[in-house]
Protein backbone atom coordinates (compact mmCIF):
# COMPACT_ATOMS: atom_id res chain seq x y z
CA MET A 1 36.56 293.49 17.20
CA ASN A 2 35.30 291.30 20.35
CA LYS A 3 33.70 293.39 22.23
CA LYS A 4 35.89 293.96 25.42
CA SER A 5 33.67 293.02 28.76
CA LEU A 6 35.68 292.50 32.51
CA SER A 7 34.98 288.91 32.03
CA ASN A 8 37.62 288.48 29.13
CA THR A 9 40.49 291.45 29.85
CA PRO A 10 42.74 290.20 31.88
CA LEU A 11 43.50 292.17 35.42
CA SER A 12 47.14 292.60 36.70
CA VAL A 13 48.50 295.18 39.40
CA LEU A 14 50.45 297.62 39.56
CA ASP A 15 52.14 298.14 43.29
CA LEU A 16 53.88 301.74 44.55
CA ALA A 17 55.15 299.61 47.34
CA MET A 18 53.66 303.22 49.38
CA VAL A 19 54.60 303.14 53.25
CA VAL A 20 52.29 304.11 55.15
CA GLN A 21 51.90 306.62 58.37
CA GLY A 22 53.29 304.79 61.23
CA LYS A 23 55.41 301.94 59.22
CA THR A 24 58.40 301.29 57.48
CA ALA A 25 59.50 300.33 53.96
CA ASN A 26 60.74 296.92 55.39
CA ASP A 27 56.84 296.49 56.16
CA THR A 28 55.56 297.54 53.41
CA PHE A 29 58.46 295.11 51.30
CA ALA A 30 56.47 292.21 53.11
CA THR A 31 52.47 294.00 52.42
CA SER A 32 53.93 293.92 49.09
CA LEU A 33 54.72 290.32 48.96
CA ASP A 34 51.56 289.06 50.34
CA LEU A 35 49.56 291.61 47.69
CA ALA A 36 51.30 288.79 45.16
CA GLN A 37 50.81 285.05 46.62
CA HIS A 38 47.29 286.45 47.30
CA THR A 39 46.57 287.92 44.44
CA GLU A 40 48.05 285.09 42.12
CA GLU A 41 46.00 282.91 44.10
CA TRP A 42 42.98 285.08 42.54
CA GLY A 43 44.18 284.55 38.96
CA TYR A 44 46.22 288.28 38.24
CA LYS A 45 48.04 287.71 35.48
CA ARG A 46 51.04 290.47 36.24
CA TYR A 47 52.64 292.53 39.04
CA TRP A 48 54.34 295.46 38.31
CA LEU A 49 56.06 298.03 40.41
CA ALA A 50 57.11 301.34 39.55
CA GLU A 51 60.80 303.10 39.46
CA HIS A 52 60.64 306.02 42.52
CA HIS A 53 63.93 308.46 43.61
CA ASN A 54 63.48 310.40 46.86
CA MET A 55 60.06 309.88 48.09
CA PRO A 56 60.12 308.99 51.42
CA GLY A 57 56.72 307.44 50.80
CA ILE A 58 57.55 305.49 47.70
CA ALA A 59 59.28 302.41 48.01
CA SER A 60 60.41 300.73 44.54
CA SER A 61 63.80 302.86 44.22
CA ALA A 62 65.66 299.80 44.09
CA THR A 63 63.47 298.12 41.22
CA SER A 64 64.68 295.09 40.40
CA ILE A 65 65.06 294.39 43.56
CA LEU A 66 62.30 294.30 44.17
CA ILE A 67 60.88 292.28 41.72
CA ALA A 68 63.07 289.32 42.31
CA HIS A 69 61.97 289.98 46.22
CA ILE A 70 58.64 289.17 44.94
CA ALA A 71 59.08 286.57 42.28
CA SER A 72 61.14 284.41 44.41
CA GLY A 73 57.59 284.83 46.79
CA THR A 74 55.66 283.82 44.44
CA LYS A 75 54.91 281.03 41.64
CA SER A 76 53.08 282.02 38.49
CA ILE A 77 52.37 285.51 38.68
CA ARG A 78 54.11 287.62 35.75
CA VAL A 79 56.38 290.22 37.87
CA GLY A 80 58.27 293.36 35.82
CA SER A 81 58.27 296.89 35.56
CA GLY A 82 55.99 299.16 35.73
CA GLY A 83 58.34 300.70 34.71
CA ILE A 84 61.77 301.51 34.05
CA MET A 85 63.32 304.81 34.03
CA LEU A 86 65.48 304.51 31.68
CA PRO A 87 66.73 307.63 30.96
CA ASN A 88 68.23 306.53 34.13
CA HIS A 89 70.56 303.91 33.04
CA ALA A 90 72.72 302.75 31.10
CA PRO A 91 70.92 300.06 28.51
CA LEU A 92 73.06 297.54 29.09
CA ILE A 93 73.16 297.72 33.05
CA ILE A 94 69.34 297.00 32.46
CA ALA A 95 69.83 294.16 30.22
CA GLU A 96 71.74 292.91 32.52
CA GLN A 97 69.68 293.09 35.80
CA PHE A 98 66.56 292.06 33.85
CA GLY A 99 68.33 288.70 31.68
CA THR A 100 69.81 288.30 35.37
CA LEU A 101 66.30 288.24 36.53
CA ALA A 102 64.09 286.07 33.55
CA THR A 103 67.48 284.26 33.89
CA LEU A 104 66.59 283.02 37.83
CA PHE A 105 62.40 283.14 37.09
CA PRO A 106 61.76 281.78 33.24
CA ASN A 107 58.64 283.36 31.23
CA ARG A 108 57.51 285.09 34.59
CA ILE A 109 59.69 288.67 33.72
CA ASP A 110 57.77 291.71 32.37
CA LEU A 111 60.26 294.77 31.16
CA GLY A 112 58.45 297.49 31.19
CA LEU A 113 60.01 301.31 29.86
CA GLY A 114 59.59 304.92 30.93
CA ARG A 115 61.12 308.11 29.87
CA ALA A 116 60.10 310.64 32.49
CA PRO A 117 63.20 310.33 35.82
CA GLY A 118 60.39 309.25 37.97
CA THR A 119 61.09 312.11 40.47
CA ASP A 120 61.83 315.76 40.75
CA GLN A 121 64.52 317.68 38.17
CA PHE A 122 67.37 317.57 41.43
CA THR A 123 67.37 314.02 41.82
CA ALA A 124 67.14 313.60 37.64
CA MET A 125 70.39 314.98 37.13
CA ALA A 126 71.51 313.54 40.63
CA LEU A 127 71.03 310.17 38.63
CA ARG A 128 71.51 310.91 35.14
CA ARG A 129 75.36 312.58 34.45
CA ASP A 130 73.94 312.64 30.53
CA GLN A 131 71.03 315.07 30.88
CA ARG A 132 69.89 314.21 27.21
CA ALA A 133 69.00 310.58 28.21
CA ALA A 134 65.76 311.61 27.99
CA MET A 135 65.89 312.95 24.47
CA GLU A 136 67.34 309.30 23.06
CA PHE A 137 64.04 307.53 24.60
CA PRO A 138 63.63 305.94 21.38
CA LYS A 139 67.33 305.00 20.61
CA ASN A 140 67.92 303.48 23.88
CA VAL A 141 64.91 300.79 23.43
CA GLN A 142 66.73 299.72 20.76
CA GLU A 143 69.97 299.87 21.97
CA LEU A 144 68.54 297.83 24.87
CA GLN A 145 66.12 295.41 22.76
CA THR A 146 69.95 294.21 20.57
CA TYR A 147 71.59 293.59 23.87
CA LEU A 148 68.45 291.37 24.56
CA SER A 149 68.58 289.70 21.05
CA ALA A 150 70.50 286.03 20.20
CA ALA A 151 71.48 288.46 17.43
CA ASN A 152 73.73 290.52 19.39
CA SER A 153 76.11 287.42 19.25
CA ASN A 154 78.98 288.39 17.23
CA GLY A 155 78.28 292.09 19.36
CA ARG A 156 81.30 294.42 20.14
CA VAL A 157 79.48 294.35 24.33
CA ARG A 158 76.94 291.86 24.96
CA ALA A 159 74.58 290.86 27.52
CA PHE A 160 75.52 288.05 29.94
CA PRO A 161 73.01 287.19 31.23
CA GLY A 162 71.04 288.53 28.67
CA GLU A 163 70.99 287.65 25.61
CA GLY A 164 68.66 285.92 23.85
CA LEU A 165 66.05 285.52 26.20
CA ASP A 166 62.65 286.41 25.70
CA ILE A 167 62.50 288.92 27.88
CA PRO A 168 58.44 290.95 27.06
CA ILE A 169 58.79 294.55 26.30
CA TRP A 170 56.85 297.20 27.02
CA ILE A 171 56.55 300.74 26.04
CA LEU A 172 54.61 302.55 28.89
CA GLY A 173 53.29 306.78 28.48
CA SER A 174 51.62 308.94 29.74
CA SER A 175 51.26 310.91 26.60
CA THR A 176 50.84 310.47 23.06
CA ASP A 177 55.03 310.52 22.42
CA SER A 178 54.80 307.34 24.15
CA ALA A 179 52.58 305.47 21.44
CA HIS A 180 54.13 306.57 18.58
CA LEU A 181 56.91 305.03 20.27
CA ALA A 182 55.41 302.10 21.07
CA ALA A 183 53.04 302.12 17.54
CA ALA A 184 56.54 302.24 15.41
CA LEU A 185 58.40 299.58 16.82
CA GLY A 186 55.46 297.13 17.58
CA LEU A 187 55.23 296.74 21.14
CA PRO A 188 52.75 296.34 23.92
CA TYR A 189 51.75 299.77 25.28
CA ALA A 190 50.83 300.52 28.89
CA PHE A 191 49.38 304.29 29.93
CA ALA A 192 49.37 305.05 33.01
CA SER A 193 45.29 306.97 33.08
CA HIS A 194 45.54 306.24 36.79
CA PHE A 195 47.54 309.49 37.38
CA ALA A 196 47.87 311.65 33.09
CA PRO A 197 44.28 310.49 32.60
CA ALA A 198 43.55 313.96 29.89
CA GLN A 199 46.11 311.95 26.77
CA LEU A 200 44.47 308.29 26.98
CA HIS A 201 42.35 307.96 24.52
CA ALA A 202 44.58 309.96 22.24
CA ALA A 203 47.70 308.03 22.56
CA LEU A 204 44.96 304.99 22.09
CA ALA A 205 44.35 306.20 19.44
CA ILE A 206 47.29 306.73 17.62
CA TYR A 207 49.14 303.83 18.73
CA HIS A 208 46.36 301.34 17.14
CA GLN A 209 46.85 303.50 13.74
CA SER A 210 50.49 303.44 13.65
CA PHE A 211 50.98 300.37 14.88
CA ARG A 212 54.01 297.95 12.59
CA PRO A 213 53.86 294.44 13.24
CA SER A 214 57.17 293.46 14.57
CA ILE A 215 58.95 290.35 15.38
CA TYR A 216 57.95 290.90 18.48
CA LEU A 217 54.23 291.58 18.27
CA LYS A 218 52.14 290.66 15.51
CA GLU A 219 48.90 293.08 16.29
CA PRO A 220 48.55 295.75 19.34
CA TYR A 221 48.07 295.18 22.81
CA THR A 222 46.89 297.74 25.00
CA MET A 223 46.61 298.77 28.78
CA ALA A 224 45.99 301.19 31.30
CA CYS A 225 45.94 301.41 34.74
CA VAL A 226 43.27 302.90 36.59
CA ASN A 227 42.88 303.55 40.77
CA VAL A 228 39.98 300.76 42.00
CA ILE A 229 39.08 301.58 45.39
CA ALA A 230 36.53 298.98 46.35
CA ALA A 231 34.51 297.81 49.42
CA ASP A 232 31.24 295.93 50.37
CA SER A 233 29.28 299.49 49.85
CA ASP A 234 29.59 302.73 48.35
CA GLU A 235 30.28 304.36 51.74
CA GLN A 236 33.38 302.29 53.22
CA ALA A 237 34.96 303.19 50.12
CA GLU A 238 34.35 306.10 49.54
CA ARG A 239 35.78 306.43 53.29
CA LEU A 240 38.59 304.16 52.12
CA ALA A 241 39.56 306.41 49.50
CA THR A 242 40.18 309.84 51.65
CA SER A 243 43.46 308.60 52.08
CA PHE A 244 44.40 308.61 48.26
CA LYS A 245 42.55 311.36 47.77
CA ARG A 246 45.12 313.03 50.58
CA LEU A 247 48.32 311.30 49.01
CA PHE A 248 47.31 312.33 44.97
CA LEU A 249 46.15 316.57 46.84
CA GLY A 250 50.09 316.03 48.32
CA ILE A 251 51.49 315.63 45.12
CA ILE A 252 49.52 318.73 43.41
CA THR A 253 50.54 320.68 45.80
CA GLY A 254 54.13 320.39 46.79
CA HIS A 255 53.16 318.90 50.43
CA ARG A 256 53.72 315.03 50.09
CA GLU A 257 53.03 312.53 53.28
CA LEU A 258 52.67 309.12 54.04
CA LEU A 259 49.75 307.75 53.06
CA GLN A 260 47.45 308.46 55.73
CA ALA A 261 44.68 306.52 57.92
CA PRO A 262 40.90 307.46 56.16
CA VAL A 263 38.65 309.99 57.57
CA ASN A 264 35.02 310.61 56.93
CA PRO A 265 34.65 312.17 54.21
CA ASP A 266 32.77 315.16 55.60
CA GLU A 267 31.96 318.40 54.06
CA ASP A 268 34.73 319.59 55.40
CA PHE A 269 37.42 316.94 53.89
CA MET A 270 38.84 319.03 51.09
CA ASP A 271 38.20 322.21 49.88
CA PRO A 272 36.15 322.88 46.31
CA MET A 273 39.14 324.14 44.08
CA GLU A 274 41.31 321.76 45.63
CA GLU A 275 39.29 318.67 44.43
CA ALA A 276 38.41 320.16 41.39
CA ALA A 277 41.84 320.18 40.57
CA LEU A 278 42.47 316.77 41.90
CA GLN A 279 39.34 314.76 39.85
CA GLN A 280 41.40 316.75 36.97
CA MET A 281 44.57 314.36 38.03
CA ILE A 282 42.32 311.03 39.24
CA ALA A 283 39.58 310.68 36.58
CA TYR A 284 40.19 307.45 35.97
CA SER A 285 39.87 305.93 39.93
CA PHE A 286 36.61 303.58 40.58
CA ILE A 287 35.20 303.83 44.02
CA GLY A 288 32.62 302.23 45.27
CA GLY A 289 30.78 299.24 45.87
CA PRO A 290 30.81 295.94 44.16
CA GLU A 291 28.16 297.21 41.18
CA LYS A 292 29.13 300.49 41.11
CA VAL A 293 32.90 299.86 40.21
CA LYS A 294 31.44 296.52 37.97
CA GLU A 295 29.40 299.10 35.64
CA GLU A 296 31.90 302.34 36.03
CA LEU A 297 35.17 299.50 34.52
CA GLN A 298 33.20 298.93 32.04
CA GLN A 299 32.33 301.79 30.93
CA PHE A 300 35.63 302.43 31.17
CA LEU A 301 36.78 299.41 29.23
CA ASP A 302 33.47 300.24 26.61
CA LYS A 303 35.49 303.53 25.81
CA THR A 304 38.94 302.53 25.42
CA GLN A 305 39.08 298.95 24.04
CA VAL A 306 42.31 297.85 25.92
CA ASP A 307 43.27 294.66 26.24
CA GLU A 308 44.52 294.63 29.64
CA LEU A 309 43.08 296.49 32.81
CA MET A 310 46.06 296.92 35.30
CA ILE A 311 44.84 297.73 38.49
CA THR A 312 46.32 299.48 41.53
CA SER A 313 44.68 300.29 45.11
CA PRO A 314 46.06 302.64 47.78
CA ILE A 315 44.80 301.89 50.54
CA TYR A 316 45.72 301.98 54.15
CA ASP A 317 45.24 299.60 55.94
CA HIS A 318 46.06 296.07 53.93
CA GLN A 319 43.05 293.79 54.68
CA ASP A 320 41.21 296.74 53.30
CA ARG A 321 43.55 297.08 50.35
CA LEU A 322 43.61 292.97 49.90
CA HIS A 323 39.58 292.76 50.13
CA SER A 324 39.27 295.49 47.43
CA TYR A 325 41.50 293.20 44.63
CA GLU A 326 39.35 290.49 45.86
CA ILE A 327 36.23 292.46 45.00
CA THR A 328 37.36 293.72 41.77
CA ASN A 329 38.14 289.55 41.21
CA GLU A 330 35.31 288.93 41.98
CA LEU A 331 33.89 291.17 39.19
CA THR A 332 35.41 289.49 36.14
CA LYS A 333 33.39 286.18 37.57
């Protein structure tokens, strides 16, 4: 096994399409496209958006439409879902939507699939008319694969466009359940370690040990998503990170808010008990100047040996966020 290093590990982007305080969803869509164009220029491999619902601070509820917006304004970067929460949808609808995307943007569309609802229980009930959908996730993934396959040309139900198109399907996860499924189906596997770090290593081990080669993938392929907030100095990065920490603390406490402007990380910034709980959630967050971030990302690669890193950078100011992605890219040189 070749040793993974930043210089030979592809970098990709997860854009949570956050609405920042004082801005609108329309502003978010404009800055997302600008980020995609810059990261394409810098050589990032893919740009993914995630399905969330009933969250005023996240504007990616209509994920397929937003993917089209990003793909239409870029030329080469792969664009996709990280992910589509399949239990919220009929597999045929997703086959048709992503078949349409792949027809409009050939060889550029990824379809990452998740089992979670991407929202709270009440909203999940509003989205899912059949509450058994989450339990039938493996079956629904295979149904979706059928609709996208050329072998379904004699099927009673077919996806147009979609049938016969080469749309890479990824299984996404934040626990070990998804690792078993990705391995059994021989599909690439992406882990959400940016907010659910606890089972990362166990899930990767299961995936590698249980992987079965398929027509889609001959060898295991893994990607982990991590938070990166990079700046010219450690002190600047720590200040930028206060926005991100307050946002994630709101998720833990149930007091959700839009992404706020950064503050000075003084002694009164956060209660010690709150910070301890927060650190468990954001353990794989790399905050600092170039040297610190490079060292910590390399340590992460040494431990996980993932094939690809997906970077999400929840930073209030768009120019600061661009600079963080630019710094991160320079670390691979």
